[in-house]
Amino acid sequence: MERQIIIMETEKYVQKQLEGEGTGHDWWHIHRVTELTKKIAEKENADYFICLMAALTHDLIDEKVTNKTKRAMNQLMKWFDQMEIPSKEQKRIIEIITTISFKGGNKPTPSTLEAKVVQDADRLDAIGAIGIARCFTYAGSAGNIIHDPEVKPREEITEEDYRKKDGTAIQHFYEKLLKLKDLMNTETGLKIAEERHRFMEIYLDQFYMEWNGEK
């Protein structure tokens, strides 16, 4: 099967799988990450097909999206077989999507260029204006409040801590979002991240002034 057809069919498949998803990991998140992946992969000379397939499918097996991750993985593998993707390439894609998640930021740097590209694209969608919107969307879906001055960011968090649906939206800025710029793997990713990071800093300055009634 031609690769462009595989990509197009996978786009339709993923869009259907994520229909109604309300945590900020919906189809439009996937679309944005895929577009960023195209840009970074081209600049960094990474394997375009592997990067795009990983970007398209990276959230289908994520715990934030499904509580049946083994079943989701089996379904994804069946889809890859249906698309006649060679087993060697399937392995490369699966390796990426199972290793790029933040999960408290304690995971090692990805070992392949393609994983670095997709991880950067995914993390870029967690910062800047879009990242702020997604942060509050996820907080709302988890039943968390916007801010509580008494709740302080944790200096270090485990994967278990990260997965707990507690804390506040503003707390999440300090435990994840503001760390992502310095965790970029590629030069291209870092350039994009710098502007988005600065936007979040400006937003937080304004937020605290409004919170305290100064503006």
N, C-alpha and C. Protein backbone atom coordinates (compact mmCIF):
# COMPACT_ATOMS: atom_id res chain seq x y z
N MET A 1 0.85 -1.19 0.00
CA MET A 1 0.00 0.00 0.00
C MET A 1 0.89 1.25 0.00
N GLU A 2 0.54 2.24 -0.81
CA GLU A 2 1.34 3.46 -0.89
C GLU A 2 1.32 4.21 0.44
N ARG A 3 2.45 4.80 0.76
CA ARG A 3 2.59 5.44 2.08
C ARG A 3 1.65 6.62 2.28
N GLN A 4 1.42 7.38 1.24
CA GLN A 4 0.52 8.52 1.37
C GLN A 4 -0.90 8.05 1.67
N ILE A 5 -1.28 6.93 1.08
CA ILE A 5 -2.62 6.38 1.33
C ILE A 5 -2.69 5.89 2.78
N ILE A 6 -1.62 5.24 3.27
CA ILE A 6 -1.58 4.77 4.66
C ILE A 6 -1.77 5.95 5.62
N ILE A 7 -1.07 7.04 5.34
CA ILE A 7 -1.16 8.22 6.20
C ILE A 7 -2.58 8.79 6.17
N MET A 8 -3.16 8.90 4.99
CA MET A 8 -4.51 9.46 4.86
C MET A 8 -5.55 8.58 5.56
N GLU A 9 -5.42 7.26 5.40
CA GLU A 9 -6.37 6.34 6.04
C GLU A 9 -6.19 6.35 7.55
N THR A 10 -4.95 6.50 8.00
CA THR A 10 -4.68 6.54 9.44
C THR A 10 -5.24 7.82 10.05
N GLU A 11 -5.18 8.91 9.32
CA GLU A 11 -5.79 10.16 9.80
C GLU A 11 -7.28 9.96 10.07
N LYS A 12 -7.98 9.31 9.13
CA LYS A 12 -9.40 9.05 9.30
C LYS A 12 -9.65 8.12 10.49
N TYR A 13 -8.82 7.10 10.62
CA TYR A 13 -8.95 6.12 11.70
C TYR A 13 -8.79 6.79 13.07
N VAL A 14 -7.76 7.60 13.20
CA VAL A 14 -7.47 8.26 14.48
C VAL A 14 -8.57 9.26 14.82
N GLN A 15 -9.02 9.99 13.81
CA GLN A 15 -10.10 10.97 14.03
C GLN A 15 -11.34 10.28 14.60
N LYS A 16 -11.66 9.12 14.07
CA LYS A 16 -12.82 8.36 14.55
C LYS A 16 -12.59 7.84 15.96
N GLN A 17 -11.37 7.36 16.23
CA GLN A 17 -11.05 6.80 17.55
C GLN A 17 -11.13 7.86 18.65
N LEU A 18 -10.79 9.10 18.33
CA LEU A 18 -10.75 10.15 19.34
C LEU A 18 -11.99 11.04 19.34
N GLU A 19 -13.02 10.59 18.65
CA GLU A 19 -14.27 11.35 18.59
C GLU A 19 -14.84 11.53 20.00
N GLY A 20 -15.13 12.77 20.37
CA GLY A 20 -15.71 13.06 21.68
C GLY A 20 -14.70 13.13 22.81
N GLU A 21 -13.42 13.02 22.52
CA GLU A 21 -12.39 13.09 23.56
C GLU A 21 -12.36 14.49 24.15
N GLY A 22 -12.37 14.61 25.49
CA GLY A 22 -12.54 15.93 26.09
C GLY A 22 -11.47 16.36 27.06
N THR A 23 -10.28 15.76 27.00
CA THR A 23 -9.22 16.14 27.93
C THR A 23 -8.16 17.03 27.30
N GLY A 24 -8.35 17.38 26.01
CA GLY A 24 -7.32 18.16 25.32
C GLY A 24 -6.40 17.27 24.49
N HIS A 25 -6.73 15.96 24.43
CA HIS A 25 -5.96 15.02 23.62
C HIS A 25 -6.82 14.52 22.46
N ASP A 26 -7.59 15.43 21.90
CA ASP A 26 -8.55 15.11 20.85
C ASP A 26 -7.88 15.09 19.48
N TRP A 27 -8.70 14.95 18.43
CA TRP A 27 -8.16 14.89 17.08
C TRP A 27 -7.40 16.16 16.71
N TRP A 28 -7.86 17.31 17.16
CA TRP A 28 -7.19 18.54 16.77
C TRP A 28 -5.82 18.67 17.42
N HIS A 29 -5.65 18.09 18.59
CA HIS A 29 -4.30 17.99 19.18
C HIS A 29 -3.42 17.15 18.26
N ILE A 30 -3.94 16.01 17.82
CA ILE A 30 -3.18 15.14 16.92
C ILE A 30 -2.84 15.87 15.63
N HIS A 31 -3.81 16.60 15.09
CA HIS A 31 -3.60 17.34 13.84
C HIS A 31 -2.46 18.36 14.01
N ARG A 32 -2.50 19.11 15.10
CA ARG A 32 -1.46 20.12 15.33
C ARG A 32 -0.08 19.47 15.51
N VAL A 33 -0.04 18.39 16.28
CA VAL A 33 1.23 17.70 16.51
C VAL A 33 1.78 17.15 15.19
N THR A 34 0.89 16.64 14.36
CA THR A 34 1.31 16.10 13.06
C THR A 34 1.88 17.20 12.17
N GLU A 35 1.24 18.36 12.15
CA GLU A 35 1.75 19.48 11.34
C GLU A 35 3.11 19.96 11.85
N LEU A 36 3.27 20.02 13.17
CA LEU A 36 4.57 20.38 13.73
C LEU A 36 5.61 19.31 13.42
N THR A 37 5.20 18.06 13.46
CA THR A 37 6.11 16.95 13.15
C THR A 37 6.62 17.06 11.72
N LYS A 38 5.74 17.38 10.79
CA LYS A 38 6.16 17.55 9.40
C LYS A 38 7.26 18.61 9.29
N LYS A 39 7.04 19.72 9.97
CA LYS A 39 7.98 20.83 9.92
C LYS A 39 9.34 20.45 10.52
N ILE A 40 9.30 19.84 11.68
CA ILE A 40 10.55 19.48 12.38
C ILE A 40 11.27 18.35 11.65
N ALA A 41 10.53 17.34 11.21
CA ALA A 41 11.14 16.19 10.52
C ALA A 41 11.88 16.63 9.26
N GLU A 42 11.27 17.56 8.53
CA GLU A 42 11.90 18.07 7.31
C GLU A 42 13.19 18.82 7.63
N LYS A 43 13.15 19.67 8.64
CA LYS A 43 14.33 20.46 9.02
C LYS A 43 15.45 19.58 9.56
N GLU A 44 15.07 18.52 10.30
CA GLU A 44 16.06 17.68 10.97
C GLU A 44 16.43 16.44 10.16
N ASN A 45 15.86 16.30 8.95
CA ASN A 45 16.14 15.17 8.07
C ASN A 45 15.82 13.81 8.70
N ALA A 46 14.67 13.74 9.36
CA ALA A 46 14.22 12.50 9.98
C ALA A 46 13.35 11.71 9.00
N ASP A 47 13.11 10.44 9.31
CA ASP A 47 12.26 9.58 8.48
C ASP A 47 10.83 10.10 8.54
N TYR A 48 10.38 10.66 7.43
CA TYR A 48 9.09 11.36 7.38
C TYR A 48 7.91 10.43 7.69
N PHE A 49 7.90 9.25 7.10
CA PHE A 49 6.78 8.32 7.28
C PHE A 49 6.69 7.84 8.73
N ILE A 50 7.80 7.43 9.30
CA ILE A 50 7.82 6.95 10.68
C ILE A 50 7.37 8.06 11.63
N CYS A 51 7.87 9.25 11.42
CA CYS A 51 7.50 10.39 12.27
C CYS A 51 6.01 10.68 12.20
N LEU A 52 5.46 10.73 10.99
CA LEU A 52 4.05 11.06 10.83
C LEU A 52 3.15 9.99 11.42
N MET A 53 3.49 8.72 11.21
CA MET A 53 2.66 7.64 11.76
C MET A 53 2.69 7.65 13.28
N ALA A 54 3.84 7.95 13.85
CA ALA A 54 3.94 8.03 15.31
C ALA A 54 3.16 9.24 15.83
N ALA A 55 3.26 10.37 15.14
CA ALA A 55 2.53 11.56 15.56
C ALA A 55 1.02 11.32 15.52
N LEU A 56 0.55 10.66 14.49
CA LEU A 56 -0.87 10.41 14.33
C LEU A 56 -1.43 9.47 15.40
N THR A 57 -0.64 8.50 15.81
CA THR A 57 -1.16 7.44 16.69
C THR A 57 -0.68 7.54 18.13
N HIS A 58 0.09 8.57 18.47
CA HIS A 58 0.79 8.58 19.76
C HIS A 58 -0.11 8.62 20.99
N ASP A 59 -1.34 9.10 20.85
CA ASP A 59 -2.23 9.18 22.02
C ASP A 59 -3.25 8.05 22.10
N LEU A 60 -3.29 7.19 21.12
CA LEU A 60 -4.31 6.14 21.10
C LEU A 60 -4.12 5.13 22.24
N ILE A 61 -2.90 5.00 22.73
CA ILE A 61 -2.65 4.03 23.80
C ILE A 61 -2.29 4.73 25.12
N ASP A 62 -2.50 6.03 25.17
CA ASP A 62 -2.11 6.80 26.36
C ASP A 62 -3.15 6.65 27.47
N GLU A 63 -2.68 6.55 28.70
CA GLU A 63 -3.56 6.38 29.86
C GLU A 63 -4.50 7.57 30.06
N LYS A 64 -4.11 8.73 29.55
CA LYS A 64 -4.97 9.91 29.69
C LYS A 64 -6.20 9.80 28.80
N VAL A 65 -6.11 8.98 27.78
CA VAL A 65 -7.18 8.84 26.80
C VAL A 65 -8.00 7.57 27.02
N THR A 66 -7.34 6.49 27.44
CA THR A 66 -8.03 5.21 27.66
C THR A 66 -7.52 4.51 28.91
N ASN A 67 -8.41 3.82 29.59
CA ASN A 67 -7.99 3.02 30.74
C ASN A 67 -7.82 1.55 30.35
N LYS A 68 -7.92 1.29 29.05
CA LYS A 68 -7.71 -0.06 28.53
C LYS A 68 -6.56 -0.03 27.53
N THR A 69 -5.36 0.23 28.06
CA THR A 69 -4.20 0.45 27.19
C THR A 69 -3.77 -0.80 26.43
N LYS A 70 -3.90 -1.98 27.04
CA LYS A 70 -3.51 -3.22 26.34
C LYS A 70 -4.43 -3.48 25.15
N ARG A 71 -5.72 -3.27 25.39
CA ARG A 71 -6.68 -3.44 24.30
C ARG A 71 -6.41 -2.43 23.19
N ALA A 72 -6.12 -1.19 23.59
CA ALA A 72 -5.84 -0.14 22.61
C ALA A 72 -4.60 -0.48 21.79
N MET A 73 -3.59 -1.04 22.44
CA MET A 73 -2.37 -1.44 21.73
C MET A 73 -2.67 -2.55 20.72
N ASN A 74 -3.46 -3.53 21.12
CA ASN A 74 -3.83 -4.62 20.20
C ASN A 74 -4.59 -4.09 19.00
N GLN A 75 -5.49 -3.16 19.24
CA GLN A 75 -6.25 -2.56 18.14
C GLN A 75 -5.34 -1.81 17.18
N LEU A 76 -4.37 -1.11 17.75
CA LEU A 76 -3.44 -0.35 16.92
C LEU A 76 -2.57 -1.28 16.07
N MET A 77 -2.11 -2.36 16.67
CA MET A 77 -1.30 -3.32 15.92
C MET A 77 -2.10 -3.95 14.78
N LYS A 78 -3.37 -4.21 15.04
CA LYS A 78 -4.24 -4.76 13.99
C LYS A 78 -4.38 -3.76 12.85
N TRP A 79 -4.47 -2.47 13.22
CA TRP A 79 -4.58 -1.43 12.19
C TRP A 79 -3.30 -1.38 11.34
N PHE A 80 -2.16 -1.46 11.98
CA PHE A 80 -0.89 -1.46 11.25
C PHE A 80 -0.82 -2.64 10.29
N ASP A 81 -1.27 -3.80 10.75
CA ASP A 81 -1.29 -4.99 9.88
C ASP A 81 -2.23 -4.78 8.71
N GLN A 82 -3.38 -4.19 8.98
CA GLN A 82 -4.36 -3.92 7.93
C GLN A 82 -3.77 -2.97 6.88
N MET A 83 -2.94 -2.03 7.34
CA MET A 83 -2.30 -1.07 6.44
C MET A 83 -1.04 -1.65 5.77
N GLU A 84 -0.75 -2.90 6.10
CA GLU A 84 0.40 -3.62 5.51
C GLU A 84 1.73 -2.92 5.78
N ILE A 85 1.85 -2.38 6.99
CA ILE A 85 3.11 -1.76 7.40
C ILE A 85 4.07 -2.86 7.83
N PRO A 86 5.27 -2.92 7.27
CA PRO A 86 6.23 -3.97 7.64
C PRO A 86 6.49 -4.00 9.14
N SER A 87 6.71 -5.19 9.70
CA SER A 87 6.87 -5.36 11.14
C SER A 87 8.03 -4.52 11.70
N LYS A 88 9.08 -4.37 10.91
CA LYS A 88 10.22 -3.58 11.37
C LYS A 88 9.82 -2.12 11.58
N GLU A 89 9.01 -1.59 10.69
CA GLU A 89 8.55 -0.21 10.82
C GLU A 89 7.50 -0.09 11.92
N GLN A 90 6.66 -1.09 12.07
CA GLN A 90 5.70 -1.09 13.17
C GLN A 90 6.44 -0.97 14.51
N LYS A 91 7.51 -1.72 14.63
CA LYS A 91 8.30 -1.72 15.87
C LYS A 91 8.86 -0.34 16.14
N ARG A 92 9.34 0.34 15.11
CA ARG A 92 9.90 1.69 15.26
C ARG A 92 8.83 2.68 15.72
N ILE A 93 7.64 2.57 15.14
CA ILE A 93 6.55 3.47 15.50
C ILE A 93 6.11 3.23 16.94
N ILE A 94 5.93 1.96 17.30
CA ILE A 94 5.51 1.62 18.67
C ILE A 94 6.54 2.07 19.69
N GLU A 95 7.81 1.92 19.35
CA GLU A 95 8.87 2.35 20.27
C GLU A 95 8.76 3.85 20.56
N ILE A 96 8.42 4.62 19.55
CA ILE A 96 8.28 6.07 19.73
C ILE A 96 7.09 6.39 20.63
N ILE A 97 5.93 5.83 20.31
CA ILE A 97 4.73 6.24 21.03
C ILE A 97 4.68 5.71 22.46
N THR A 98 5.51 4.73 22.77
CA THR A 98 5.55 4.22 24.15
C THR A 98 6.65 4.87 24.98
N THR A 99 7.43 5.76 24.39
CA THR A 99 8.55 6.35 25.14
C THR A 99 8.56 7.87 25.21
N ILE A 100 7.67 8.55 24.46
CA ILE A 100 7.80 10.01 24.39
C ILE A 100 6.99 10.77 25.42
N SER A 101 6.09 10.10 26.16
CA SER A 101 5.23 10.79 27.11
C SER A 101 6.04 11.44 28.22
N PHE A 102 5.55 12.58 28.74
CA PHE A 102 6.26 13.33 29.79
C PHE A 102 6.33 12.56 31.09
N LYS A 103 5.18 12.13 31.62
CA LYS A 103 5.08 11.30 32.83
C LYS A 103 5.98 11.77 33.98
N GLY A 104 5.92 13.06 34.25
CA GLY A 104 6.70 13.58 35.35
C GLY A 104 8.08 14.06 34.93
N GLY A 105 8.44 13.87 33.67
CA GLY A 105 9.72 14.34 33.16
C GLY A 105 10.92 13.52 33.57
N ASN A 106 10.68 12.31 34.09
CA ASN A 106 11.78 11.51 34.61
C ASN A 106 12.31 10.47 33.63
N LYS A 107 11.79 10.47 32.41
CA LYS A 107 12.20 9.47 31.44
C LYS A 107 13.44 9.94 30.69
N PRO A 108 14.28 8.99 30.24
CA PRO A 108 15.49 9.37 29.51
C PRO A 108 15.18 9.98 28.14
N THR A 109 16.14 10.70 27.59
CA THR A 109 15.99 11.29 26.25
C THR A 109 15.80 10.18 25.23
N PRO A 110 14.86 10.33 24.28
CA PRO A 110 14.66 9.30 23.25
C PRO A 110 15.95 8.99 22.51
N SER A 111 16.09 7.74 22.09
CA SER A 111 17.35 7.31 21.48
C SER A 111 17.41 7.53 19.97
N THR A 112 16.26 7.71 19.32
CA THR A 112 16.26 7.88 17.87
C THR A 112 15.86 9.31 17.49
N LEU A 113 16.30 9.73 16.34
CA LEU A 113 15.97 11.07 15.84
C LEU A 113 14.46 11.21 15.67
N GLU A 114 13.82 10.17 15.15
CA GLU A 114 12.39 10.23 14.90
C GLU A 114 11.60 10.41 16.21
N ALA A 115 12.02 9.71 17.25
CA ALA A 115 11.36 9.86 18.56
C ALA A 115 11.57 11.27 19.10
N LYS A 116 12.75 11.82 18.90
CA LYS A 116 13.04 13.17 19.36
C LYS A 116 12.16 14.19 18.64
N VAL A 117 11.97 13.98 17.34
CA VAL A 117 11.13 14.89 16.54
C VAL A 117 9.69 14.87 17.03
N VAL A 118 9.12 13.68 17.19
CA VAL A 118 7.71 13.56 17.60
C VAL A 118 7.53 14.05 19.04
N GLN A 119 8.49 13.76 19.91
CA GLN A 119 8.39 14.23 21.28
C GLN A 119 8.40 15.76 21.33
N ASP A 120 9.26 16.38 20.54
CA ASP A 120 9.30 17.85 20.49
C ASP A 120 7.96 18.41 20.00
N ALA A 121 7.42 17.81 18.95
CA ALA A 121 6.14 18.29 18.40
C ALA A 121 5.02 18.16 19.43
N ASP A 122 5.00 17.04 20.12
CA ASP A 122 3.97 16.81 21.14
C ASP A 122 4.11 17.80 22.29
N ARG A 123 5.34 18.05 22.70
CA ARG A 123 5.57 18.97 23.81
C ARG A 123 5.31 20.41 23.41
N LEU A 124 5.55 20.75 22.17
CA LEU A 124 5.26 22.11 21.71
C LEU A 124 3.77 22.40 21.78
N ASP A 125 2.94 21.39 21.59
CA ASP A 125 1.49 21.61 21.67
C ASP A 125 1.02 21.73 23.11
N ALA A 126 1.93 21.53 24.06
CA ALA A 126 1.60 21.67 25.49
C ALA A 126 2.01 23.03 26.03
N ILE A 127 2.61 23.87 25.19
CA ILE A 127 3.05 25.18 25.65
C ILE A 127 2.52 26.27 24.72
N GLY A 128 2.74 27.54 25.10
CA GLY A 128 2.23 28.65 24.31
C GLY A 128 0.73 28.83 24.52
N ALA A 129 0.09 29.53 23.61
CA ALA A 129 -1.34 29.82 23.73
C ALA A 129 -2.17 28.55 23.73
N ILE A 130 -1.83 27.63 22.83
CA ILE A 130 -2.55 26.35 22.77
C ILE A 130 -2.32 25.56 24.05
N GLY A 131 -1.10 25.56 24.53
CA GLY A 131 -0.78 24.82 25.76
C GLY A 131 -1.57 25.33 26.95
N ILE A 132 -1.73 26.65 27.04
CA ILE A 132 -2.52 27.23 28.13
C ILE A 132 -3.97 26.76 28.03
N ALA A 133 -4.53 26.81 26.84
CA ALA A 133 -5.91 26.37 26.64
C ALA A 133 -6.07 24.90 27.02
N ARG A 134 -5.13 24.07 26.60
CA ARG A 134 -5.21 22.64 26.89
C ARG A 134 -5.03 22.37 28.38
N CYS A 135 -4.19 23.15 29.03
CA CYS A 135 -3.97 22.98 30.47
C CYS A 135 -5.27 23.15 31.24
N PHE A 136 -6.02 24.20 30.93
CA PHE A 136 -7.27 24.45 31.63
C PHE A 136 -8.36 23.46 31.22
N THR A 137 -8.32 23.03 29.97
CA THR A 137 -9.27 22.01 29.52
C THR A 137 -9.06 20.72 30.30
N TYR A 138 -7.80 20.30 30.43
CA TYR A 138 -7.51 19.05 31.14
C TYR A 138 -7.85 19.19 32.62
N ALA A 139 -7.51 20.33 33.20
CA ALA A 139 -7.83 20.54 34.62
C ALA A 139 -9.33 20.44 34.85
N GLY A 140 -10.11 21.05 33.97
CA GLY A 140 -11.56 20.98 34.10
C GLY A 140 -12.08 19.56 33.97
N SER A 141 -11.51 18.80 33.03
CA SER A 141 -11.96 17.42 32.83
C SER A 141 -11.64 16.54 34.02
N ALA A 142 -10.59 16.93 34.77
CA ALA A 142 -10.17 16.15 35.95
C ALA A 142 -10.83 16.65 37.23
N GLY A 143 -11.62 17.74 37.12
CA GLY A 143 -12.28 18.29 38.29
C GLY A 143 -11.39 19.15 39.15
N ASN A 144 -10.30 19.65 38.58
CA ASN A 144 -9.37 20.49 39.34
C ASN A 144 -9.71 21.97 39.19
N ILE A 145 -9.38 22.76 40.22
CA ILE A 145 -9.66 24.19 40.18
C ILE A 145 -8.56 24.94 39.43
N ILE A 146 -8.79 26.21 39.16
CA ILE A 146 -7.81 27.02 38.43
C ILE A 146 -6.56 27.28 39.27
N HIS A 147 -6.75 27.78 40.49
CA HIS A 147 -5.58 28.18 41.29
C HIS A 147 -5.94 28.22 42.76
N ASP A 148 -4.98 27.87 43.58
CA ASP A 148 -5.08 28.00 45.03
C ASP A 148 -3.69 28.40 45.51
N PRO A 149 -3.52 29.63 46.01
CA PRO A 149 -2.20 30.10 46.43
C PRO A 149 -1.53 29.20 47.48
N GLU A 150 -2.35 28.42 48.20
CA GLU A 150 -1.79 27.53 49.22
C GLU A 150 -1.21 26.26 48.63
N VAL A 151 -1.56 25.95 47.40
CA VAL A 151 -1.05 24.74 46.75
C VAL A 151 0.23 25.07 46.00
N LYS A 152 1.35 24.55 46.48
CA LYS A 152 2.64 24.86 45.89
C LYS A 152 3.09 23.75 44.91
N PRO A 153 3.80 24.14 43.88
CA PRO A 153 4.31 23.14 42.94
C PRO A 153 5.28 22.18 43.63
N ARG A 154 5.21 20.91 43.25
CA ARG A 154 6.13 19.92 43.78
C ARG A 154 7.45 19.99 43.01
N GLU A 155 8.56 20.00 43.72
CA GLU A 155 9.87 20.12 43.09
C GLU A 155 10.16 18.91 42.19
N GLU A 156 9.86 17.73 42.70
CA GLU A 156 10.05 16.51 41.92
C GLU A 156 8.79 15.66 42.05
N ILE A 157 8.34 15.12 40.93
CA ILE A 157 7.15 14.28 40.97
C ILE A 157 7.43 12.96 40.26
N THR A 158 6.88 11.90 40.80
CA THR A 158 7.03 10.58 40.20
C THR A 158 5.98 10.41 39.10
N GLU A 159 6.11 9.33 38.34
CA GLU A 159 5.12 9.04 37.31
C GLU A 159 3.75 8.82 37.95
N GLU A 160 3.74 8.20 39.11
CA GLU A 160 2.48 7.97 39.83
C GLU A 160 1.85 9.29 40.25
N ASP A 161 2.68 10.23 40.77
CA ASP A 161 2.18 11.55 41.14
C ASP A 161 1.60 12.27 39.94
N TYR A 162 2.32 12.16 38.82
CA TYR A 162 1.91 12.87 37.61
C TYR A 162 0.55 12.40 37.11
N ARG A 163 0.27 11.12 37.25
CA ARG A 163 -0.97 10.56 36.75
C ARG A 163 -2.17 10.84 37.65
N LYS A 164 -1.92 11.26 38.88
CA LYS A 164 -3.02 11.57 39.78
C LYS A 164 -3.75 12.81 39.28
N LYS A 165 -5.07 12.75 39.27
CA LYS A 165 -5.85 13.89 38.79
C LYS A 165 -6.14 14.83 39.96
N ASP A 166 -5.07 15.45 40.48
CA ASP A 166 -5.26 16.40 41.58
C ASP A 166 -4.44 17.64 41.30
N GLY A 167 -4.39 18.56 42.26
CA GLY A 167 -3.65 19.80 42.06
C GLY A 167 -4.50 20.85 41.37
N THR A 168 -3.83 21.89 40.85
CA THR A 168 -4.53 22.98 40.18
C THR A 168 -3.93 23.20 38.79
N ALA A 169 -4.66 23.94 37.97
CA ALA A 169 -4.16 24.23 36.62
C ALA A 169 -2.87 25.02 36.67
N ILE A 170 -2.81 26.04 37.53
CA ILE A 170 -1.61 26.87 37.61
C ILE A 170 -0.42 26.06 38.13
N GLN A 171 -0.68 25.18 39.06
CA GLN A 171 0.38 24.30 39.57
C GLN A 171 1.03 23.52 38.43
N HIS A 172 0.21 23.10 37.45
CA HIS A 172 0.68 22.30 36.33
C HIS A 172 1.68 23.07 35.46
N PHE A 173 1.54 24.40 35.42
CA PHE A 173 2.52 25.21 34.67
C PHE A 173 3.92 24.94 35.19
N TYR A 174 4.06 24.92 36.51
CA TYR A 174 5.38 24.81 37.14
C TYR A 174 5.89 23.38 37.19
N GLU A 175 4.98 22.43 37.22
CA GLU A 175 5.39 21.03 37.29
C GLU A 175 5.67 20.44 35.91
N LYS A 176 5.16 21.09 34.86
CA LYS A 176 5.40 20.57 33.51
C LYS A 176 5.67 21.64 32.47
N LEU A 177 4.69 22.51 32.22
CA LEU A 177 4.73 23.37 31.04
C LEU A 177 5.98 24.25 30.95
N LEU A 178 6.37 24.85 32.06
CA LEU A 178 7.53 25.75 32.03
C LEU A 178 8.85 25.00 31.96
N LYS A 179 8.81 23.69 32.10
CA LYS A 179 10.03 22.87 31.99
C LYS A 179 10.31 22.42 30.56
N LEU A 180 9.29 22.47 29.73
CA LEU A 180 9.38 21.81 28.42
C LEU A 180 10.36 22.47 27.45
N LYS A 181 10.51 23.78 27.52
CA LYS A 181 11.46 24.45 26.60
C LYS A 181 12.85 23.85 26.73
N ASP A 182 13.30 23.66 27.95
CA ASP A 182 14.64 23.16 28.17
C ASP A 182 14.78 21.65 27.95
N LEU A 183 13.67 21.00 27.63
CA LEU A 183 13.70 19.56 27.36
C LEU A 183 13.58 19.26 25.87
N MET A 184 13.61 20.31 25.04
CA MET A 184 13.54 20.09 23.60
C MET A 184 14.77 19.32 23.11
N ASN A 185 14.55 18.44 22.16
CA ASN A 185 15.63 17.59 21.63
C ASN A 185 16.31 18.16 20.40
N THR A 186 15.57 18.94 19.62
CA THR A 186 16.07 19.41 18.33
C THR A 186 16.21 20.93 18.31
N GLU A 187 17.07 21.39 17.44
CA GLU A 187 17.26 22.84 17.28
C GLU A 187 15.96 23.49 16.79
N THR A 188 15.29 22.83 15.86
CA THR A 188 14.04 23.36 15.32
C THR A 188 12.99 23.47 16.41
N GLY A 189 12.88 22.43 17.23
CA GLY A 189 11.91 22.44 18.32
C GLY A 189 12.19 23.54 19.32
N LEU A 190 13.47 23.74 19.64
CA LEU A 190 13.85 24.76 20.61
C LEU A 190 13.51 26.16 20.13
N LYS A 191 13.72 26.43 18.85
CA LYS A 191 13.42 27.75 18.30
C LYS A 191 11.93 28.07 18.45
N ILE A 192 11.09 27.09 18.17
CA ILE A 192 9.65 27.30 18.29
C ILE A 192 9.26 27.43 19.77
N ALA A 193 9.90 26.62 20.61
CA ALA A 193 9.57 26.59 22.04
C ALA A 193 9.88 27.91 22.74
N GLU A 194 10.93 28.59 22.32
CA GLU A 194 11.34 29.81 23.02
C GLU A 194 10.25 30.87 23.00
N GLU A 195 9.62 31.07 21.86
CA GLU A 195 8.56 32.08 21.77
C GLU A 195 7.32 31.65 22.57
N ARG A 196 6.99 30.38 22.48
CA ARG A 196 5.82 29.88 23.21
C ARG A 196 6.04 29.95 24.72
N HIS A 197 7.25 29.67 25.15
CA HIS A 197 7.59 29.74 26.57
C HIS A 197 7.44 31.17 27.09
N ARG A 198 7.94 32.12 26.33
CA ARG A 198 7.85 33.52 26.72
C ARG A 198 6.40 33.96 26.84
N PHE A 199 5.54 33.47 25.94
CA PHE A 199 4.12 33.82 25.99
C PHE A 199 3.50 33.33 27.30
N MET A 200 3.89 32.14 27.75
CA MET A 200 3.35 31.61 29.00
C MET A 200 3.81 32.45 30.19
N GLU A 201 5.05 32.93 30.16
CA GLU A 201 5.55 33.78 31.24
C GLU A 201 4.75 35.08 31.31
N ILE A 202 4.48 35.67 30.14
CA ILE A 202 3.68 36.90 30.09
C ILE A 202 2.27 36.63 30.61
N TYR A 203 1.71 35.50 30.21
CA TYR A 203 0.36 35.14 30.67
C TYR A 203 0.32 35.02 32.19
N LEU A 204 1.31 34.35 32.78
CA LEU A 204 1.32 34.16 34.23
C LEU A 204 1.48 35.49 34.97
N ASP A 205 2.30 36.38 34.42
CA ASP A 205 2.43 37.72 35.03
C ASP A 205 1.07 38.40 35.08
N GLN A 206 0.34 38.37 33.96
CA GLN A 206 -0.98 38.98 33.89
C GLN A 206 -1.96 38.26 34.82
N PHE A 207 -1.87 36.95 34.86
CA PHE A 207 -2.78 36.16 35.70
C PHE A 207 -2.66 36.57 37.16
N TYR A 208 -1.43 36.65 37.65
CA TYR A 208 -1.24 36.97 39.07
C TYR A 208 -1.67 38.40 39.40
N MET A 209 -1.46 39.33 38.46
CA MET A 209 -1.92 40.70 38.69
C MET A 209 -3.42 40.77 38.79
N GLU A 210 -4.11 40.02 37.91
CA GLU A 210 -5.57 40.00 37.97
C GLU A 210 -6.05 39.25 39.21
N TRP A 211 -5.36 38.18 39.56
CA TRP A 211 -5.74 37.39 40.74
C TRP A 211 -5.68 38.25 42.01
N ASN A 212 -4.65 39.07 42.06
CA ASN A 212 -4.45 39.91 43.25
C ASN A 212 -5.18 41.26 43.16
N GLY A 213 -5.95 41.46 42.12
CA GLY A 213 -6.71 42.69 41.98
C GLY A 213 -5.87 43.90 41.63
N GLU A 214 -4.69 43.67 41.07
CA GLU A 214 -3.81 44.78 40.72
C GLU A 214 -4.16 45.37 39.35
N LYS A 215 -4.86 44.60 38.54
CA LYS A 215 -5.26 45.10 37.20
C LYS A 215 -6.70 44.72 36.92
